[in-house]
Amino acid sequence: MAENPVCPETGATMRRDARPMTLDYKGQSITFDMPGWYCDTSDHSVHTGEDMKVSDRMLNQLKARGSEGSTLSD
């Protein structure tokens, strides 16, 4: 993204950051830092394809943990 996106709710300029996100899957959860564009005045965020690879990786780890019965350090 060449320019910072604008929040659709408030019109404020969003800024690049990484914020805690928790995913839950079949009774297990993992919290990690999710990169993206975040609005400081609302809950809105925008994620690029590269950003989404982070959450995809974490979800795959949760799925593997659930199917193997192993533990994963958060």
PDB file of N, CA and C in Angstrom:
ATOM      1  N   MET A   1       0.837  -1.168   0.000  1.00  0.00           N
ATOM      2  CA  MET A   1       0.000   0.000   0.000  1.00  0.00           C
ATOM      3  C   MET A   1       0.889   1.241   0.000  1.00  0.00           C
ATOM      4  N   ALA A   2       0.682   2.103  -0.927  1.00  0.00           N
ATOM      5  CA  ALA A   2       1.518   3.289  -1.052  1.00  0.00           C
ATOM      6  C   ALA A   2       1.182   4.319   0.028  1.00  0.00           C
ATOM      7  N   GLU A   3      -0.082   4.512   0.320  1.00  0.00           N
ATOM      8  CA  GLU A   3      -0.511   5.485   1.312  1.00  0.00           C
ATOM      9  C   GLU A   3      -1.207   4.767   2.462  1.00  0.00           C
ATOM     10  N   ASN A   4      -1.185   5.416   3.615  1.00  0.00           N
ATOM     11  CA  ASN A   4      -1.913   4.846   4.746  1.00  0.00           C
ATOM     12  C   ASN A   4      -3.401   4.851   4.430  1.00  0.00           C
ATOM     13  N   PRO A   5      -4.079   3.724   4.666  1.00  0.00           N
ATOM     14  CA  PRO A   5      -5.524   3.707   4.436  1.00  0.00           C
ATOM     15  C   PRO A   5      -6.255   4.584   5.447  1.00  0.00           C
ATOM     16  N   VAL A   6      -7.480   4.906   5.108  1.00  0.00           N
ATOM     17  CA  VAL A   6      -8.346   5.715   5.962  1.00  0.00           C
ATOM     18  C   VAL A   6      -9.402   4.797   6.568  1.00  0.00           C
ATOM     19  N   CYS A   7      -9.651   4.958   7.848  1.00  0.00           N
ATOM     20  CA  CYS A   7     -10.646   4.147   8.548  1.00  0.00           C
ATOM     21  C   CYS A   7     -12.033   4.416   7.970  1.00  0.00           C
ATOM     22  N   PRO A   8     -12.756   3.354   7.582  1.00  0.00           N
ATOM     23  CA  PRO A   8     -14.086   3.559   7.008  1.00  0.00           C
ATOM     24  C   PRO A   8     -15.111   4.074   8.017  1.00  0.00           C
ATOM     25  N   GLU A   9     -14.847   3.872   9.298  1.00  0.00           N
ATOM     26  CA  GLU A   9     -15.807   4.306  10.322  1.00  0.00           C
ATOM     27  C   GLU A   9     -15.575   5.752  10.755  1.00  0.00           C
ATOM     28  N   THR A  10     -14.300   6.122  10.964  1.00  0.00           N
ATOM     29  CA  THR A  10     -14.015   7.437  11.536  1.00  0.00           C
ATOM     30  C   THR A  10     -13.363   8.415  10.563  1.00  0.00           C
ATOM     31  N   GLY A  11     -12.811   7.917   9.471  1.00  0.00           N
ATOM     32  CA  GLY A  11     -12.093   8.768   8.531  1.00  0.00           C
ATOM     33  C   GLY A  11     -10.670   9.080   8.972  1.00  0.00           C
ATOM     34  N   ALA A  12     -10.260   8.535  10.109  1.00  0.00           N
ATOM     35  CA  ALA A  12      -8.904   8.755  10.615  1.00  0.00           C
ATOM     36  C   ALA A  12      -7.900   7.960   9.787  1.00  0.00           C
ATOM     37  N   THR A  13      -6.700   8.486   9.711  1.00  0.00           N
ATOM     38  CA  THR A  13      -5.632   7.768   9.026  1.00  0.00           C
ATOM     39  C   THR A  13      -5.219   6.568   9.861  1.00  0.00           C
ATOM     40  N   MET A  14      -5.110   5.411   9.226  1.00  0.00           N
ATOM     41  CA  MET A  14      -4.706   4.190   9.912  1.00  0.00           C
ATOM     42  C   MET A  14      -3.185   4.129   9.920  1.00  0.00           C
ATOM     43  N   ARG A  15      -2.644   3.386  10.883  1.00  0.00           N
ATOM     44  CA  ARG A  15      -1.195   3.263  10.936  1.00  0.00           C
ATOM     45  C   ARG A  15      -0.775   1.804  11.025  1.00  0.00           C
ATOM     46  N   ARG A  16       0.418   1.557  10.540  1.00  0.00           N
ATOM     47  CA  ARG A  16       0.973   0.206  10.514  1.00  0.00           C
ATOM     48  C   ARG A  16       1.392  -0.181  11.921  1.00  0.00           C
ATOM     49  N   ASP A  17       1.025  -1.407  12.327  1.00  0.00           N
ATOM     50  CA  ASP A  17       1.324  -1.873  13.675  1.00  0.00           C
ATOM     51  C   ASP A  17       1.192  -3.387  13.695  1.00  0.00           C
ATOM     52  N   ALA A  18       1.549  -3.984  14.799  1.00  0.00           N
ATOM     53  CA  ALA A  18       1.284  -5.401  15.059  1.00  0.00           C
ATOM     54  C   ALA A  18       0.621  -5.460  16.423  1.00  0.00           C
ATOM     55  N   ARG A  19      -0.571  -6.036  16.463  1.00  0.00           N
ATOM     56  CA  ARG A  19      -1.344  -6.068  17.707  1.00  0.00           C
ATOM     57  C   ARG A  19      -1.731  -7.497  18.051  1.00  0.00           C
ATOM     58  N   PRO A  20      -1.926  -7.760  19.341  1.00  0.00           N
ATOM     59  CA  PRO A  20      -2.270  -9.113  19.759  1.00  0.00           C
ATOM     60  C   PRO A  20      -3.594  -9.569  19.147  1.00  0.00           C
ATOM     61  N   MET A  21      -3.590 -10.798  18.655  1.00  0.00           N
ATOM     62  CA  MET A  21      -4.797 -11.425  18.116  1.00  0.00           C
ATOM     63  C   MET A  21      -4.838 -12.847  18.678  1.00  0.00           C
ATOM     64  N   THR A  22      -6.020 -13.279  19.044  1.00  0.00           N
ATOM     65  CA  THR A  22      -6.190 -14.638  19.547  1.00  0.00           C
ATOM     66  C   THR A  22      -7.079 -15.410  18.598  1.00  0.00           C
ATOM     67  N   LEU A  23      -6.614 -16.594  18.220  1.00  0.00           N
ATOM     68  CA  LEU A  23      -7.415 -17.515  17.411  1.00  0.00           C
ATOM     69  C   LEU A  23      -7.801 -18.694  18.283  1.00  0.00           C
ATOM     70  N   ASP A  24      -9.041 -19.151  18.145  1.00  0.00           N
ATOM     71  CA  ASP A  24      -9.532 -20.332  18.848  1.00  0.00           C
ATOM     72  C   ASP A  24      -9.914 -21.382  17.830  1.00  0.00           C
ATOM     73  N   TYR A  25      -9.548 -22.642  18.117  1.00  0.00           N
ATOM     74  CA  TYR A  25      -9.891 -23.741  17.218  1.00  0.00           C
ATOM     75  C   TYR A  25     -10.030 -25.005  18.041  1.00  0.00           C
ATOM     76  N   LYS A  26     -11.218 -25.567  18.033  1.00  0.00           N
ATOM     77  CA  LYS A  26     -11.506 -26.826  18.719  1.00  0.00           C
ATOM     78  C   LYS A  26     -11.002 -26.847  20.157  1.00  0.00           C
ATOM     79  N   GLY A  27     -11.342 -25.789  20.895  1.00  0.00           N
ATOM     80  CA  GLY A  27     -11.009 -25.743  22.311  1.00  0.00           C
ATOM     81  C   GLY A  27      -9.582 -25.301  22.621  1.00  0.00           C
ATOM     82  N   GLN A  28      -8.785 -25.020  21.619  1.00  0.00           N
ATOM     83  CA  GLN A  28      -7.420 -24.562  21.828  1.00  0.00           C
ATOM     84  C   GLN A  28      -7.324 -23.122  21.333  1.00  0.00           C
ATOM     85  N   SER A  29      -6.358 -22.388  21.861  1.00  0.00           N
ATOM     86  CA  SER A  29      -6.186 -21.014  21.397  1.00  0.00           C
ATOM     87  C   SER A  29      -4.710 -20.651  21.349  1.00  0.00           C
ATOM     88  N   ILE A  30      -4.436 -19.630  20.563  1.00  0.00           N
ATOM     89  CA  ILE A  30      -3.086 -19.097  20.468  1.00  0.00           C
ATOM     90  C   ILE A  30      -3.204 -17.586  20.276  1.00  0.00           C
ATOM     91  N   THR A  31      -2.327 -16.855  20.956  1.00  0.00           N
ATOM     92  CA  THR A  31      -2.276 -15.402  20.821  1.00  0.00           C
ATOM     93  C   THR A  31      -0.943 -15.030  20.194  1.00  0.00           C
ATOM     94  N   PHE A  32      -0.986 -14.140  19.225  1.00  0.00           N
ATOM     95  CA  PHE A  32       0.209 -13.749  18.488  1.00  0.00           C
ATOM     96  C   PHE A  32       0.061 -12.302  18.039  1.00  0.00           C
ATOM     97  N   ASP A  33       1.150 -11.710  17.594  1.00  0.00           N
ATOM     98  CA  ASP A  33       1.129 -10.339  17.089  1.00  0.00           C
ATOM     99  C   ASP A  33       0.731 -10.356  15.619  1.00  0.00           C
ATOM    100  N   MET A  34      -0.392  -9.715  15.302  1.00  0.00           N
ATOM    101  CA  MET A  34      -0.922  -9.671  13.943  1.00  0.00           C
ATOM    102  C   MET A  34      -0.565  -8.341  13.300  1.00  0.00           C
ATOM    103  N   PRO A  35       0.249  -8.373  12.225  1.00  0.00           N
ATOM    104  CA  PRO A  35       0.584  -7.133  11.536  1.00  0.00           C
ATOM    105  C   PRO A  35      -0.605  -6.626  10.727  1.00  0.00           C
ATOM    106  N   GLY A  36      -0.656  -5.328  10.530  1.00  0.00           N
ATOM    107  CA  GLY A  36      -1.726  -4.758   9.714  1.00  0.00           C
ATOM    108  C   GLY A  36      -1.796  -3.255   9.873  1.00  0.00           C
ATOM    109  N   TRP A  37      -2.802  -2.691   9.248  1.00  0.00           N
ATOM    110  CA  TRP A  37      -3.104  -1.265   9.371  1.00  0.00           C
ATOM    111  C   TRP A  37      -4.226  -1.148  10.396  1.00  0.00           C
ATOM    112  N   TYR A  38      -4.017  -0.336  11.427  1.00  0.00           N
ATOM    113  CA  TYR A  38      -4.972  -0.223  12.523  1.00  0.00           C
ATOM    114  C   TYR A  38      -5.409   1.220  12.722  1.00  0.00           C
ATOM    115  N   CYS A  39      -6.683   1.369  13.085  1.00  0.00           N
ATOM    116  CA  CYS A  39      -7.238   2.673  13.414  1.00  0.00           C
ATOM    117  C   CYS A  39      -7.160   2.836  14.933  1.00  0.00           C
ATOM    118  N   ASP A  40      -6.635   3.956  15.374  1.00  0.00           N
ATOM    119  CA  ASP A  40      -6.518   4.206  16.810  1.00  0.00           C
ATOM    120  C   ASP A  40      -7.822   4.649  17.452  1.00  0.00           C
ATOM    121  N   THR A  41      -8.824   5.028  16.636  1.00  0.00           N
ATOM    122  CA  THR A  41     -10.072   5.538  17.200  1.00  0.00           C
ATOM    123  C   THR A  41     -11.256   4.591  17.005  1.00  0.00           C
ATOM    124  N   SER A  42     -11.004   3.411  16.428  1.00  0.00           N
ATOM    125  CA  SER A  42     -12.068   2.404  16.275  1.00  0.00           C
ATOM    126  C   SER A  42     -11.439   1.012  16.282  1.00  0.00           C
ATOM    127  N   ASP A  43     -12.258   0.003  16.104  1.00  0.00           N
ATOM    128  CA  ASP A  43     -11.783  -1.386  16.087  1.00  0.00           C
ATOM    129  C   ASP A  43     -11.329  -1.836  14.698  1.00  0.00           C
ATOM    130  N   HIS A  44     -11.423  -0.976  13.718  1.00  0.00           N
ATOM    131  CA  HIS A  44     -11.141  -1.384  12.332  1.00  0.00           C
ATOM    132  C   HIS A  44      -9.663  -1.663  12.096  1.00  0.00           C
ATOM    133  N   SER A  45      -9.431  -2.665  11.248  1.00  0.00           N
ATOM    134  CA  SER A  45      -8.080  -2.978  10.802  1.00  0.00           C
ATOM    135  C   SER A  45      -8.152  -3.470   9.361  1.00  0.00           C
ATOM    136  N   VAL A  46      -7.042  -3.322   8.643  1.00  0.00           N
ATOM    137  CA  VAL A  46      -6.923  -3.775   7.263  1.00  0.00           C
ATOM    138  C   VAL A  46      -5.656  -4.608   7.189  1.00  0.00           C
ATOM    139  N   HIS A  47      -5.762  -5.784   6.549  1.00  0.00           N
ATOM    140  CA  HIS A  47      -4.624  -6.698   6.471  1.00  0.00           C
ATOM    141  C   HIS A  47      -4.330  -7.044   5.023  1.00  0.00           C
ATOM    142  N   THR A  48      -3.045  -6.999   4.678  1.00  0.00           N
ATOM    143  CA  THR A  48      -2.616  -7.370   3.337  1.00  0.00           C
ATOM    144  C   THR A  48      -2.513  -8.887   3.234  1.00  0.00           C
ATOM    145  N   GLY A  49      -2.276  -9.367   2.030  1.00  0.00           N
ATOM    146  CA  GLY A  49      -2.064 -10.799   1.830  1.00  0.00           C
ATOM    147  C   GLY A  49      -0.889 -11.309   2.647  1.00  0.00           C
ATOM    148  N   GLU A  50       0.174 -10.511   2.708  1.00  0.00           N
ATOM    149  CA  GLU A  50       1.339 -10.894   3.516  1.00  0.00           C
ATOM    150  C   GLU A  50       0.983 -10.961   4.996  1.00  0.00           C
ATOM    151  N   ASP A  51       0.177 -10.003   5.471  1.00  0.00           N
ATOM    152  CA  ASP A  51      -0.266 -10.015   6.867  1.00  0.00           C
ATOM    153  C   ASP A  51      -1.052 -11.291   7.156  1.00  0.00           C
ATOM    154  N   MET A  52      -1.917 -11.667   6.240  1.00  0.00           N
ATOM    155  CA  MET A  52      -2.782 -12.831   6.455  1.00  0.00           C
ATOM    156  C   MET A  52      -1.999 -14.136   6.533  1.00  0.00           C
ATOM    157  N   LYS A  53      -0.811 -14.155   5.960  1.00  0.00           N
ATOM    158  CA  LYS A  53       0.029 -15.362   6.053  1.00  0.00           C
ATOM    159  C   LYS A  53       0.388 -15.661   7.506  1.00  0.00           C
ATOM    160  N   VAL A  54       0.502 -14.609   8.319  1.00  0.00           N
ATOM    161  CA  VAL A  54       0.809 -14.796   9.735  1.00  0.00           C
ATOM    162  C   VAL A  54      -0.334 -15.536  10.423  1.00  0.00           C
ATOM    163  N   SER A  55      -1.571 -15.073  10.237  1.00  0.00           N
ATOM    164  CA  SER A  55      -2.706 -15.740  10.884  1.00  0.00           C
ATOM    165  C   SER A  55      -2.942 -17.126  10.292  1.00  0.00           C
ATOM    166  N   ASP A  56      -2.696 -17.301   8.998  1.00  0.00           N
ATOM    167  CA  ASP A  56      -2.826 -18.626   8.381  1.00  0.00           C
ATOM    168  C   ASP A  56      -1.858 -19.614   9.021  1.00  0.00           C
ATOM    169  N   ARG A  57      -0.609 -19.160   9.246  1.00  0.00           N
ATOM    170  CA  ARG A  57       0.390 -20.023   9.877  1.00  0.00           C
ATOM    171  C   ARG A  57      -0.034 -20.409  11.291  1.00  0.00           C
ATOM    172  N   MET A  58      -0.550 -19.432  12.025  1.00  0.00           N
ATOM    173  CA  MET A  58      -0.974 -19.710  13.399  1.00  0.00           C
ATOM    174  C   MET A  58      -2.165 -20.669  13.433  1.00  0.00           C
ATOM    175  N   LEU A  59      -3.107 -20.494  12.511  1.00  0.00           N
ATOM    176  CA  LEU A  59      -4.252 -21.397  12.451  1.00  0.00           C
ATOM    177  C   LEU A  59      -3.792 -22.812  12.094  1.00  0.00           C
ATOM    178  N   ASN A  60      -2.855 -22.931  11.171  1.00  0.00           N
ATOM    179  CA  ASN A  60      -2.329 -24.257  10.819  1.00  0.00           C
ATOM    180  C   ASN A  60      -1.643 -24.912  12.007  1.00  0.00           C
ATOM    181  N   GLN A  61      -0.946 -24.117  12.830  1.00  0.00           N
ATOM    182  CA  GLN A  61      -0.320 -24.667  14.036  1.00  0.00           C
ATOM    183  C   GLN A  61      -1.379 -25.163  15.017  1.00  0.00           C
ATOM    184  N   LEU A  62      -2.462 -24.407  15.162  1.00  0.00           N
ATOM    185  CA  LEU A  62      -3.547 -24.846  16.040  1.00  0.00           C
ATOM    186  C   LEU A  62      -4.169 -26.139  15.545  1.00  0.00           C
ATOM    187  N   LYS A  63      -4.399 -26.223  14.240  1.00  0.00           N
ATOM    188  CA  LYS A  63      -4.977 -27.442  13.664  1.00  0.00           C
ATOM    189  C   LYS A  63      -4.057 -28.631  13.896  1.00  0.00           C
ATOM    190  N   ALA A  64      -2.763 -28.432  13.716  1.00  0.00           N
ATOM    191  CA  ALA A  64      -1.801 -29.511  13.930  1.00  0.00           C
ATOM    192  C   ALA A  64      -1.761 -29.914  15.397  1.00  0.00           C
ATOM    193  N   ARG A  65      -1.817 -28.928  16.267  1.00  0.00           N
ATOM    194  CA  ARG A  65      -1.805 -29.220  17.699  1.00  0.00           C
ATOM    195  C   ARG A  65      -3.030 -30.042  18.081  1.00  0.00           C
ATOM    196  N   GLY A  66      -4.183 -29.671  17.538  1.00  0.00           N
ATOM    197  CA  GLY A  66      -5.408 -30.391  17.855  1.00  0.00           C
ATOM    198  C   GLY A  66      -5.410 -31.806  17.316  1.00  0.00           C
ATOM    199  N   SER A  67      -4.858 -32.013  16.136  1.00  0.00           N
ATOM    200  CA  SER A  67      -4.875 -33.354  15.542  1.00  0.00           C
ATOM    201  C   SER A  67      -3.789 -34.252  16.119  1.00  0.00           C
ATOM    202  N   GLU A  68      -2.714 -33.673  16.624  1.00  0.00           N
ATOM    203  CA  GLU A  68      -1.629 -34.473  17.182  1.00  0.00           C
ATOM    204  C   GLU A  68      -1.711 -34.601  18.691  1.00  0.00           C
ATOM    205  N   GLY A  69      -2.543 -33.741  19.306  1.00  0.00           N
ATOM    206  CA  GLY A  69      -2.643 -33.752  20.756  1.00  0.00           C
ATOM    207  C   GLY A  69      -1.388 -33.202  21.413  1.00  0.00           C
ATOM    208  N   SER A  70      -0.560 -32.528  20.643  1.00  0.00           N
ATOM    209  CA  SER A  70       0.672 -31.971  21.192  1.00  0.00           C
ATOM    210  C   SER A  70       0.407 -30.597  21.792  1.00  0.00           C
ATOM    211  N   THR A  71       1.422 -30.036  22.404  1.00  0.00           N
ATOM    212  CA  THR A  71       1.300 -28.692  22.939  1.00  0.00           C
ATOM    213  C   THR A  71       2.181 -27.758  22.150  1.00  0.00           C
ATOM    214  N   LEU A  72       1.789 -26.517  22.096  1.00  0.00           N
ATOM    215  CA  LEU A  72       2.520 -25.486  21.387  1.00  0.00           C
ATOM    216  C   LEU A  72       2.708 -24.328  22.336  1.00  0.00           C
ATOM    217  N   SER A  73       3.924 -23.856  22.471  1.00  0.00           N
ATOM    218  CA  SER A  73       4.119 -22.718  23.368  1.00  0.00           C
ATOM    219  C   SER A  73       3.683 -21.462  22.666  1.00  0.00           C
ATOM    220  N   ASP A  74       2.826 -20.702  23.321  1.00  0.00           N
ATOM    221  CA  ASP A  74       2.304 -19.449  22.759  1.00  0.00           C
ATOM    222  C   ASP A  74       3.318 -18.347  22.918  1.00  0.00           C
TER     223      ASP A  74
END
